[in-house]
Amino acid sequence: MRVSCPGAGNILSGLWLARRAAAPDAVGAATVRLAEMLVPALCQAAGFAAIGLLLWLRPAGLALLLPLMFFTIGIFSARLAIAMNVHVATHHAARVGQVWGLVGSWQSAMILLAPLLGAVVLDRWGPAALFAFAAAAAGASLALLGLLRRVGTQGLRTG
């Protein structure tokens, strides 16, 4: 369920977004602002928080709600991936390789650390805490990105 439902959401959303971008009246398909990437990322973090809450509360219908939540996270995952590709290609065209190298390194670091950290959190506090922790980590990462971007922008203005 954890792999299939987000995968299905990702595939369907990707196909829909590709079809929409190919439409003759598509506006803004060639550019993406940073905020347009943050919204899907925030929605994914909110989805993880909701899954944590569902696992903690264990409401009736949990077996139906969890796949729906994972599917929704997959939809926002596709939106984020496409927005990132467009953003890097349009705003960092001169150094696409360097930017994707940094993104890939960050993703690889997360792939290395997430299972270890996840195992500790899961063993110590359970699955609800694991998803709450994932949501908190995503929120902290997005806040750090916003802070770094703000500091970088202010540095450019004063420098």
N, C-alpha and C. Protein backbone atom coordinates (compact mmCIF):
# COMPACT_ATOMS: atom_id res chain seq x y z
N MET A 1 0.83 -1.18 0.00
CA MET A 1 0.00 0.00 0.00
C MET A 1 0.88 1.25 0.00
N ARG A 2 1.95 1.24 0.79
CA ARG A 2 2.82 2.42 0.91
C ARG A 2 3.48 2.75 -0.42
N VAL A 3 3.71 1.77 -1.26
CA VAL A 3 4.37 2.02 -2.54
C VAL A 3 3.36 2.14 -3.67
N SER A 4 2.36 1.30 -3.71
CA SER A 4 1.43 1.27 -4.83
C SER A 4 0.52 2.49 -4.90
N CYS A 5 -0.04 2.92 -3.79
CA CYS A 5 -0.97 4.05 -3.81
C CYS A 5 -0.29 5.37 -4.19
N PRO A 6 0.87 5.70 -3.59
CA PRO A 6 1.53 6.93 -4.05
C PRO A 6 1.98 6.82 -5.50
N GLY A 7 2.41 5.62 -5.90
CA GLY A 7 2.82 5.43 -7.29
C GLY A 7 1.67 5.67 -8.25
N ALA A 8 0.50 5.18 -7.91
CA ALA A 8 -0.68 5.39 -8.76
C ALA A 8 -1.02 6.88 -8.82
N GLY A 9 -1.00 7.56 -7.69
CA GLY A 9 -1.26 9.00 -7.69
C GLY A 9 -0.23 9.76 -8.49
N ASN A 10 1.02 9.35 -8.38
CA ASN A 10 2.10 10.00 -9.10
C ASN A 10 1.94 9.83 -10.60
N ILE A 11 1.63 8.63 -11.04
CA ILE A 11 1.46 8.36 -12.47
C ILE A 11 0.27 9.13 -13.04
N LEU A 12 -0.88 9.06 -12.38
CA LEU A 12 -2.06 9.75 -12.88
C LEU A 12 -1.88 11.26 -12.90
N SER A 13 -1.29 11.80 -11.85
CA SER A 13 -1.05 13.23 -11.81
C SER A 13 -0.04 13.65 -12.87
N GLY A 14 1.03 12.87 -13.03
CA GLY A 14 2.02 13.19 -14.05
C GLY A 14 1.42 13.19 -15.45
N LEU A 15 0.58 12.20 -15.75
CA LEU A 15 -0.07 12.15 -17.06
C LEU A 15 -1.00 13.33 -17.26
N TRP A 16 -1.76 13.66 -16.23
CA TRP A 16 -2.69 14.79 -16.32
C TRP A 16 -1.94 16.11 -16.50
N LEU A 17 -0.85 16.30 -15.72
CA LEU A 17 -0.07 17.52 -15.83
C LEU A 17 0.62 17.63 -17.19
N ALA A 18 1.10 16.52 -17.73
CA ALA A 18 1.73 16.53 -19.05
C ALA A 18 0.71 16.89 -20.12
N ARG A 19 -0.47 16.34 -20.00
CA ARG A 19 -1.53 16.63 -20.97
C ARG A 19 -1.94 18.10 -20.88
N ARG A 20 -2.04 18.60 -19.66
CA ARG A 20 -2.43 20.00 -19.45
C ARG A 20 -1.35 20.95 -19.99
N ALA A 21 -0.08 20.61 -19.78
CA ALA A 21 1.01 21.46 -20.26
C ALA A 21 1.10 21.48 -21.78
N ALA A 22 0.65 20.39 -22.42
CA ALA A 22 0.70 20.30 -23.87
C ALA A 22 -0.47 21.02 -24.53
N ALA A 23 -1.45 21.42 -23.75
CA ALA A 23 -2.62 22.09 -24.30
C ALA A 23 -2.19 23.41 -24.95
N PRO A 24 -2.83 23.78 -26.07
CA PRO A 24 -2.44 25.00 -26.77
C PRO A 24 -2.62 26.28 -25.93
N ASP A 25 -3.52 26.26 -24.98
CA ASP A 25 -3.77 27.46 -24.17
C ASP A 25 -3.05 27.41 -22.82
N ALA A 26 -2.07 26.53 -22.68
CA ALA A 26 -1.33 26.41 -21.42
C ALA A 26 -0.56 27.69 -21.15
N VAL A 27 -0.78 28.27 -19.99
CA VAL A 27 -0.12 29.51 -19.61
C VAL A 27 0.86 29.22 -18.48
N GLY A 28 2.03 29.77 -18.56
CA GLY A 28 3.00 29.63 -17.48
C GLY A 28 3.65 28.26 -17.42
N ALA A 29 3.51 27.46 -18.47
CA ALA A 29 4.09 26.12 -18.45
C ALA A 29 5.61 26.16 -18.48
N ALA A 30 6.18 27.26 -18.99
CA ALA A 30 7.62 27.33 -19.15
C ALA A 30 8.34 27.89 -17.93
N THR A 31 7.61 28.42 -16.96
CA THR A 31 8.26 28.98 -15.78
C THR A 31 7.53 28.50 -14.53
N VAL A 32 8.30 28.39 -13.46
CA VAL A 32 7.73 28.00 -12.16
C VAL A 32 8.44 28.82 -11.10
N ARG A 33 7.66 29.48 -10.27
CA ARG A 33 8.25 30.21 -9.14
C ARG A 33 8.49 29.23 -8.01
N LEU A 34 9.35 29.63 -7.09
CA LEU A 34 9.68 28.77 -5.95
C LEU A 34 8.43 28.42 -5.14
N ALA A 35 7.52 29.38 -4.98
CA ALA A 35 6.30 29.13 -4.22
C ALA A 35 5.48 27.99 -4.83
N GLU A 36 5.53 27.86 -6.15
CA GLU A 36 4.78 26.80 -6.82
C GLU A 36 5.37 25.42 -6.54
N MET A 37 6.61 25.38 -6.06
CA MET A 37 7.20 24.12 -5.65
C MET A 37 6.93 23.86 -4.18
N LEU A 38 6.85 24.92 -3.40
CA LEU A 38 6.66 24.74 -1.97
C LEU A 38 5.26 24.25 -1.62
N VAL A 39 4.25 24.65 -2.38
CA VAL A 39 2.88 24.22 -2.07
C VAL A 39 2.74 22.70 -2.15
N PRO A 40 3.20 22.04 -3.22
CA PRO A 40 3.11 20.57 -3.22
C PRO A 40 3.92 19.93 -2.10
N ALA A 41 5.09 20.50 -1.79
CA ALA A 41 5.91 19.96 -0.70
C ALA A 41 5.18 20.10 0.65
N LEU A 42 4.56 21.25 0.86
CA LEU A 42 3.78 21.44 2.09
C LEU A 42 2.60 20.49 2.15
N CYS A 43 1.96 20.26 1.02
CA CYS A 43 0.82 19.32 0.99
C CYS A 43 1.28 17.90 1.30
N GLN A 44 2.46 17.52 0.82
CA GLN A 44 2.99 16.21 1.15
C GLN A 44 3.27 16.11 2.65
N ALA A 45 3.87 17.15 3.22
CA ALA A 45 4.15 17.16 4.66
C ALA A 45 2.84 17.08 5.45
N ALA A 46 1.83 17.81 5.01
CA ALA A 46 0.52 17.76 5.68
C ALA A 46 -0.08 16.35 5.56
N GLY A 47 0.13 15.70 4.42
CA GLY A 47 -0.34 14.33 4.24
C GLY A 47 0.32 13.37 5.21
N PHE A 48 1.62 13.53 5.42
CA PHE A 48 2.30 12.68 6.39
C PHE A 48 1.81 12.95 7.80
N ALA A 49 1.57 14.22 8.12
CA ALA A 49 1.02 14.55 9.44
C ALA A 49 -0.37 13.93 9.61
N ALA A 50 -1.18 13.98 8.56
CA ALA A 50 -2.53 13.39 8.62
C ALA A 50 -2.45 11.88 8.80
N ILE A 51 -1.52 11.24 8.12
CA ILE A 51 -1.35 9.79 8.29
C ILE A 51 -0.94 9.47 9.72
N GLY A 52 -0.03 10.24 10.27
CA GLY A 52 0.36 10.05 11.67
C GLY A 52 -0.82 10.19 12.60
N LEU A 53 -1.65 11.19 12.36
CA LEU A 53 -2.84 11.40 13.18
C LEU A 53 -3.82 10.25 13.03
N LEU A 54 -4.01 9.79 11.80
CA LEU A 54 -4.91 8.65 11.57
C LEU A 54 -4.41 7.39 12.28
N LEU A 55 -3.10 7.15 12.21
CA LEU A 55 -2.55 5.97 12.87
C LEU A 55 -2.65 6.08 14.39
N TRP A 56 -2.59 7.29 14.91
CA TRP A 56 -2.69 7.49 16.34
C TRP A 56 -4.14 7.35 16.81
N LEU A 57 -5.09 7.93 16.05
CA LEU A 57 -6.50 7.89 16.45
C LEU A 57 -7.19 6.57 16.10
N ARG A 58 -6.72 5.92 15.05
CA ARG A 58 -7.29 4.66 14.56
C ARG A 58 -8.81 4.75 14.38
N PRO A 59 -9.28 5.69 13.53
CA PRO A 59 -10.73 5.83 13.33
C PRO A 59 -11.29 4.66 12.52
N ALA A 60 -12.62 4.53 12.54
CA ALA A 60 -13.27 3.53 11.69
C ALA A 60 -12.97 3.90 10.24
N GLY A 61 -12.75 2.92 9.42
CA GLY A 61 -12.44 3.16 8.02
C GLY A 61 -10.98 3.47 7.76
N LEU A 62 -10.12 3.20 8.74
CA LEU A 62 -8.70 3.48 8.59
C LEU A 62 -8.12 2.77 7.36
N ALA A 63 -8.59 1.55 7.10
CA ALA A 63 -8.08 0.78 5.97
C ALA A 63 -8.40 1.46 4.63
N LEU A 64 -9.41 2.29 4.59
CA LEU A 64 -9.74 3.03 3.36
C LEU A 64 -9.07 4.41 3.34
N LEU A 65 -8.92 5.01 4.49
CA LEU A 65 -8.34 6.35 4.56
C LEU A 65 -6.85 6.36 4.26
N LEU A 66 -6.13 5.35 4.74
CA LEU A 66 -4.68 5.33 4.51
C LEU A 66 -4.31 5.25 3.02
N PRO A 67 -4.91 4.34 2.25
CA PRO A 67 -4.58 4.33 0.82
C PRO A 67 -4.93 5.65 0.14
N LEU A 68 -6.04 6.27 0.53
CA LEU A 68 -6.43 7.56 -0.04
C LEU A 68 -5.38 8.63 0.28
N MET A 69 -4.89 8.64 1.50
CA MET A 69 -3.87 9.62 1.89
C MET A 69 -2.57 9.38 1.11
N PHE A 70 -2.16 8.12 0.99
CA PHE A 70 -0.94 7.82 0.24
C PHE A 70 -1.09 8.19 -1.23
N PHE A 71 -2.27 7.94 -1.80
CA PHE A 71 -2.56 8.31 -3.19
C PHE A 71 -2.43 9.82 -3.37
N THR A 72 -2.98 10.57 -2.43
CA THR A 72 -2.93 12.04 -2.48
C THR A 72 -1.48 12.53 -2.39
N ILE A 73 -0.71 11.92 -1.52
CA ILE A 73 0.70 12.29 -1.42
C ILE A 73 1.41 12.04 -2.75
N GLY A 74 1.07 10.95 -3.43
CA GLY A 74 1.64 10.66 -4.75
C GLY A 74 1.29 11.72 -5.78
N ILE A 75 0.07 12.23 -5.72
CA ILE A 75 -0.35 13.30 -6.64
C ILE A 75 0.54 14.53 -6.44
N PHE A 76 0.73 14.92 -5.19
CA PHE A 76 1.55 16.10 -4.92
C PHE A 76 3.03 15.84 -5.20
N SER A 77 3.46 14.59 -5.09
CA SER A 77 4.83 14.24 -5.42
C SER A 77 5.12 14.50 -6.90
N ALA A 78 4.18 14.13 -7.77
CA ALA A 78 4.35 14.38 -9.21
C ALA A 78 4.38 15.87 -9.49
N ARG A 79 3.51 16.62 -8.85
CA ARG A 79 3.47 18.07 -9.05
C ARG A 79 4.81 18.69 -8.64
N LEU A 80 5.35 18.24 -7.51
CA LEU A 80 6.63 18.76 -7.03
C LEU A 80 7.76 18.41 -8.00
N ALA A 81 7.81 17.18 -8.46
CA ALA A 81 8.88 16.76 -9.37
C ALA A 81 8.85 17.55 -10.67
N ILE A 82 7.68 17.74 -11.22
CA ILE A 82 7.56 18.49 -12.48
C ILE A 82 7.92 19.95 -12.26
N ALA A 83 7.43 20.53 -11.17
CA ALA A 83 7.73 21.94 -10.87
C ALA A 83 9.24 22.13 -10.66
N MET A 84 9.88 21.17 -9.99
CA MET A 84 11.33 21.26 -9.78
C MET A 84 12.08 21.21 -11.11
N ASN A 85 11.67 20.30 -11.99
CA ASN A 85 12.33 20.19 -13.29
C ASN A 85 12.22 21.50 -14.07
N VAL A 86 11.02 22.06 -14.11
CA VAL A 86 10.81 23.30 -14.85
C VAL A 86 11.58 24.45 -14.20
N HIS A 87 11.54 24.52 -12.88
CA HIS A 87 12.24 25.60 -12.17
C HIS A 87 13.75 25.55 -12.43
N VAL A 88 14.33 24.39 -12.31
CA VAL A 88 15.78 24.27 -12.53
C VAL A 88 16.13 24.60 -13.98
N ALA A 89 15.33 24.10 -14.91
CA ALA A 89 15.62 24.34 -16.33
C ALA A 89 15.49 25.81 -16.71
N THR A 90 14.56 26.54 -16.08
CA THR A 90 14.36 27.93 -16.46
C THR A 90 15.19 28.91 -15.64
N HIS A 91 15.39 28.64 -14.38
CA HIS A 91 16.08 29.60 -13.52
C HIS A 91 17.56 29.28 -13.30
N HIS A 92 17.98 28.09 -13.63
CA HIS A 92 19.37 27.69 -13.43
C HIS A 92 19.92 27.01 -14.67
N ALA A 93 19.53 27.50 -15.83
CA ALA A 93 19.90 26.85 -17.10
C ALA A 93 21.41 26.79 -17.29
N ALA A 94 22.12 27.79 -16.83
CA ALA A 94 23.57 27.83 -17.04
C ALA A 94 24.31 26.81 -16.19
N ARG A 95 23.65 26.33 -15.12
CA ARG A 95 24.33 25.36 -14.24
C ARG A 95 23.40 24.22 -13.83
N VAL A 96 22.65 23.72 -14.79
CA VAL A 96 21.72 22.63 -14.55
C VAL A 96 22.40 21.42 -13.93
N GLY A 97 23.55 21.05 -14.45
CA GLY A 97 24.27 19.89 -13.92
C GLY A 97 24.66 20.06 -12.47
N GLN A 98 25.15 21.23 -12.12
CA GLN A 98 25.54 21.50 -10.74
C GLN A 98 24.31 21.45 -9.81
N VAL A 99 23.23 22.08 -10.22
CA VAL A 99 22.03 22.11 -9.39
C VAL A 99 21.48 20.70 -9.21
N TRP A 100 21.36 19.93 -10.29
CA TRP A 100 20.83 18.57 -10.16
C TRP A 100 21.80 17.67 -9.39
N GLY A 101 23.09 17.97 -9.47
CA GLY A 101 24.06 17.23 -8.66
C GLY A 101 23.83 17.47 -7.17
N LEU A 102 23.58 18.74 -6.80
CA LEU A 102 23.28 19.06 -5.41
C LEU A 102 21.97 18.43 -4.95
N VAL A 103 20.95 18.52 -5.80
CA VAL A 103 19.65 17.91 -5.46
C VAL A 103 19.80 16.41 -5.30
N GLY A 104 20.51 15.78 -6.24
CA GLY A 104 20.72 14.34 -6.17
C GLY A 104 21.51 13.93 -4.93
N SER A 105 22.50 14.72 -4.56
CA SER A 105 23.28 14.42 -3.34
C SER A 105 22.41 14.52 -2.10
N TRP A 106 21.57 15.55 -2.05
CA TRP A 106 20.66 15.71 -0.91
C TRP A 106 19.69 14.53 -0.84
N GLN A 107 19.13 14.14 -1.98
CA GLN A 107 18.22 13.00 -2.01
C GLN A 107 18.93 11.72 -1.59
N SER A 108 20.13 11.51 -2.04
CA SER A 108 20.89 10.31 -1.66
C SER A 108 21.18 10.30 -0.17
N ALA A 109 21.50 11.46 0.39
CA ALA A 109 21.73 11.54 1.84
C ALA A 109 20.47 11.17 2.61
N MET A 110 19.33 11.62 2.12
CA MET A 110 18.05 11.29 2.77
C MET A 110 17.74 9.79 2.63
N ILE A 111 18.05 9.23 1.48
CA ILE A 111 17.84 7.80 1.27
C ILE A 111 18.72 6.99 2.22
N LEU A 112 19.90 7.49 2.50
CA LEU A 112 20.82 6.82 3.43
C LEU A 112 20.35 6.96 4.88
N LEU A 113 19.95 8.16 5.28
CA LEU A 113 19.62 8.42 6.68
C LEU A 113 18.19 8.06 7.07
N ALA A 114 17.24 8.20 6.16
CA ALA A 114 15.83 7.99 6.50
C ALA A 114 15.53 6.60 7.07
N PRO A 115 16.01 5.52 6.47
CA PRO A 115 15.69 4.21 7.05
C PRO A 115 16.25 4.02 8.47
N LEU A 116 17.46 4.52 8.69
CA LEU A 116 18.05 4.39 10.01
C LEU A 116 17.26 5.20 11.04
N LEU A 117 17.02 6.44 10.73
CA LEU A 117 16.24 7.29 11.63
C LEU A 117 14.82 6.77 11.79
N GLY A 118 14.22 6.33 10.67
CA GLY A 118 12.87 5.77 10.72
C GLY A 118 12.78 4.53 11.59
N ALA A 119 13.79 3.68 11.53
CA ALA A 119 13.79 2.47 12.35
C ALA A 119 13.84 2.81 13.84
N VAL A 120 14.65 3.82 14.18
CA VAL A 120 14.76 4.24 15.58
C VAL A 120 13.43 4.81 16.06
N VAL A 121 12.85 5.71 15.29
CA VAL A 121 11.58 6.33 15.68
C VAL A 121 10.47 5.28 15.73
N LEU A 122 10.41 4.41 14.73
CA LEU A 122 9.38 3.37 14.69
C LEU A 122 9.50 2.43 15.88
N ASP A 123 10.71 2.01 16.18
CA ASP A 123 10.92 1.08 17.29
C ASP A 123 10.60 1.73 18.63
N ARG A 124 10.95 2.98 18.77
CA ARG A 124 10.79 3.65 20.06
C ARG A 124 9.38 4.17 20.31
N TRP A 125 8.74 4.76 19.25
CA TRP A 125 7.46 5.44 19.46
C TRP A 125 6.32 4.92 18.61
N GLY A 126 6.59 4.11 17.59
CA GLY A 126 5.52 3.53 16.79
C GLY A 126 5.27 4.25 15.47
N PRO A 127 4.35 3.69 14.65
CA PRO A 127 4.14 4.22 13.30
C PRO A 127 3.53 5.62 13.27
N ALA A 128 2.67 5.96 14.22
CA ALA A 128 2.08 7.30 14.22
C ALA A 128 3.17 8.35 14.40
N ALA A 129 4.09 8.10 15.31
CA ALA A 129 5.19 9.04 15.55
C ALA A 129 6.12 9.12 14.35
N LEU A 130 6.28 8.01 13.64
CA LEU A 130 7.14 8.00 12.46
C LEU A 130 6.62 8.99 11.42
N PHE A 131 5.32 8.97 11.15
CA PHE A 131 4.76 9.88 10.16
C PHE A 131 4.73 11.31 10.68
N ALA A 132 4.50 11.49 11.96
CA ALA A 132 4.56 12.84 12.54
C ALA A 132 5.98 13.38 12.44
N PHE A 133 6.96 12.53 12.69
CA PHE A 133 8.36 12.94 12.58
C PHE A 133 8.71 13.30 11.14
N ALA A 134 8.21 12.51 10.19
CA ALA A 134 8.46 12.80 8.77
C ALA A 134 7.87 14.16 8.39
N ALA A 135 6.67 14.44 8.88
CA ALA A 135 6.03 15.73 8.60
C ALA A 135 6.83 16.87 9.23
N ALA A 136 7.28 16.67 10.45
CA ALA A 136 8.07 17.70 11.13
C ALA A 136 9.41 17.94 10.41
N ALA A 137 10.04 16.86 9.97
CA ALA A 137 11.31 17.00 9.24
C ALA A 137 11.10 17.74 7.92
N ALA A 138 10.01 17.44 7.23
CA ALA A 138 9.69 18.15 5.99
C ALA A 138 9.44 19.63 6.27
N GLY A 139 8.67 19.90 7.31
CA GLY A 139 8.41 21.29 7.68
C GLY A 139 9.68 22.04 8.03
N ALA A 140 10.56 21.40 8.78
CA ALA A 140 11.83 22.02 9.15
C ALA A 140 12.70 22.26 7.91
N SER A 141 12.71 21.32 7.00
CA SER A 141 13.48 21.48 5.76
C SER A 141 12.96 22.64 4.93
N LEU A 142 11.63 22.73 4.83
CA LEU A 142 11.04 23.83 4.05
C LEU A 142 11.30 25.17 4.74
N ALA A 143 11.24 25.20 6.06
CA ALA A 143 11.53 26.44 6.79
C ALA A 143 12.99 26.83 6.59
N LEU A 144 13.90 25.87 6.62
CA LEU A 144 15.31 26.14 6.38
C LEU A 144 15.52 26.67 4.97
N LEU A 145 14.85 26.07 3.99
CA LEU A 145 14.95 26.54 2.61
C LEU A 145 14.47 27.99 2.52
N GLY A 146 13.36 28.30 3.15
CA GLY A 146 12.85 29.67 3.15
C GLY A 146 13.83 30.63 3.80
N LEU A 147 14.41 30.22 4.91
CA LEU A 147 15.38 31.06 5.61
C LEU A 147 16.62 31.29 4.76
N LEU A 148 17.14 30.22 4.18
CA LEU A 148 18.33 30.35 3.33
C LEU A 148 18.05 31.24 2.12
N ARG A 149 16.88 31.08 1.56
CA ARG A 149 16.51 31.91 0.41
C ARG A 149 16.39 33.37 0.82
N ARG A 150 15.80 33.61 1.97
CA ARG A 150 15.63 34.99 2.45
C ARG A 150 16.99 35.63 2.76
N VAL A 151 17.85 34.88 3.44
CA VAL A 151 19.19 35.39 3.75
C VAL A 151 19.96 35.65 2.46
N GLY A 152 19.87 34.74 1.51
CA GLY A 152 20.55 34.91 0.23
C GLY A 152 20.05 36.12 -0.53
N THR A 153 18.74 36.35 -0.51
CA THR A 153 18.15 37.48 -1.20
C THR A 153 18.56 38.79 -0.54
N GLN A 154 18.56 38.82 0.79
CA GLN A 154 18.97 40.03 1.49
C GLN A 154 20.45 40.31 1.29
N GLY A 155 21.24 39.26 1.23
CA GLY A 155 22.67 39.42 0.97
C GLY A 155 22.92 40.01 -0.40
N LEU A 156 22.11 39.63 -1.39
CA LEU A 156 22.26 40.18 -2.72
C LEU A 156 21.88 41.66 -2.76
N ARG A 157 20.89 42.04 -1.97
CA ARG A 157 20.45 43.44 -1.95
C ARG A 157 21.50 44.34 -1.29
N THR A 158 22.12 43.84 -0.22
CA THR A 158 23.08 44.68 0.50
C THR A 158 24.47 44.62 -0.10
N GLY A 159 24.74 43.56 -0.88
CA GLY A 159 26.10 43.37 -1.39
C GLY A 159 26.37 44.03 -2.67
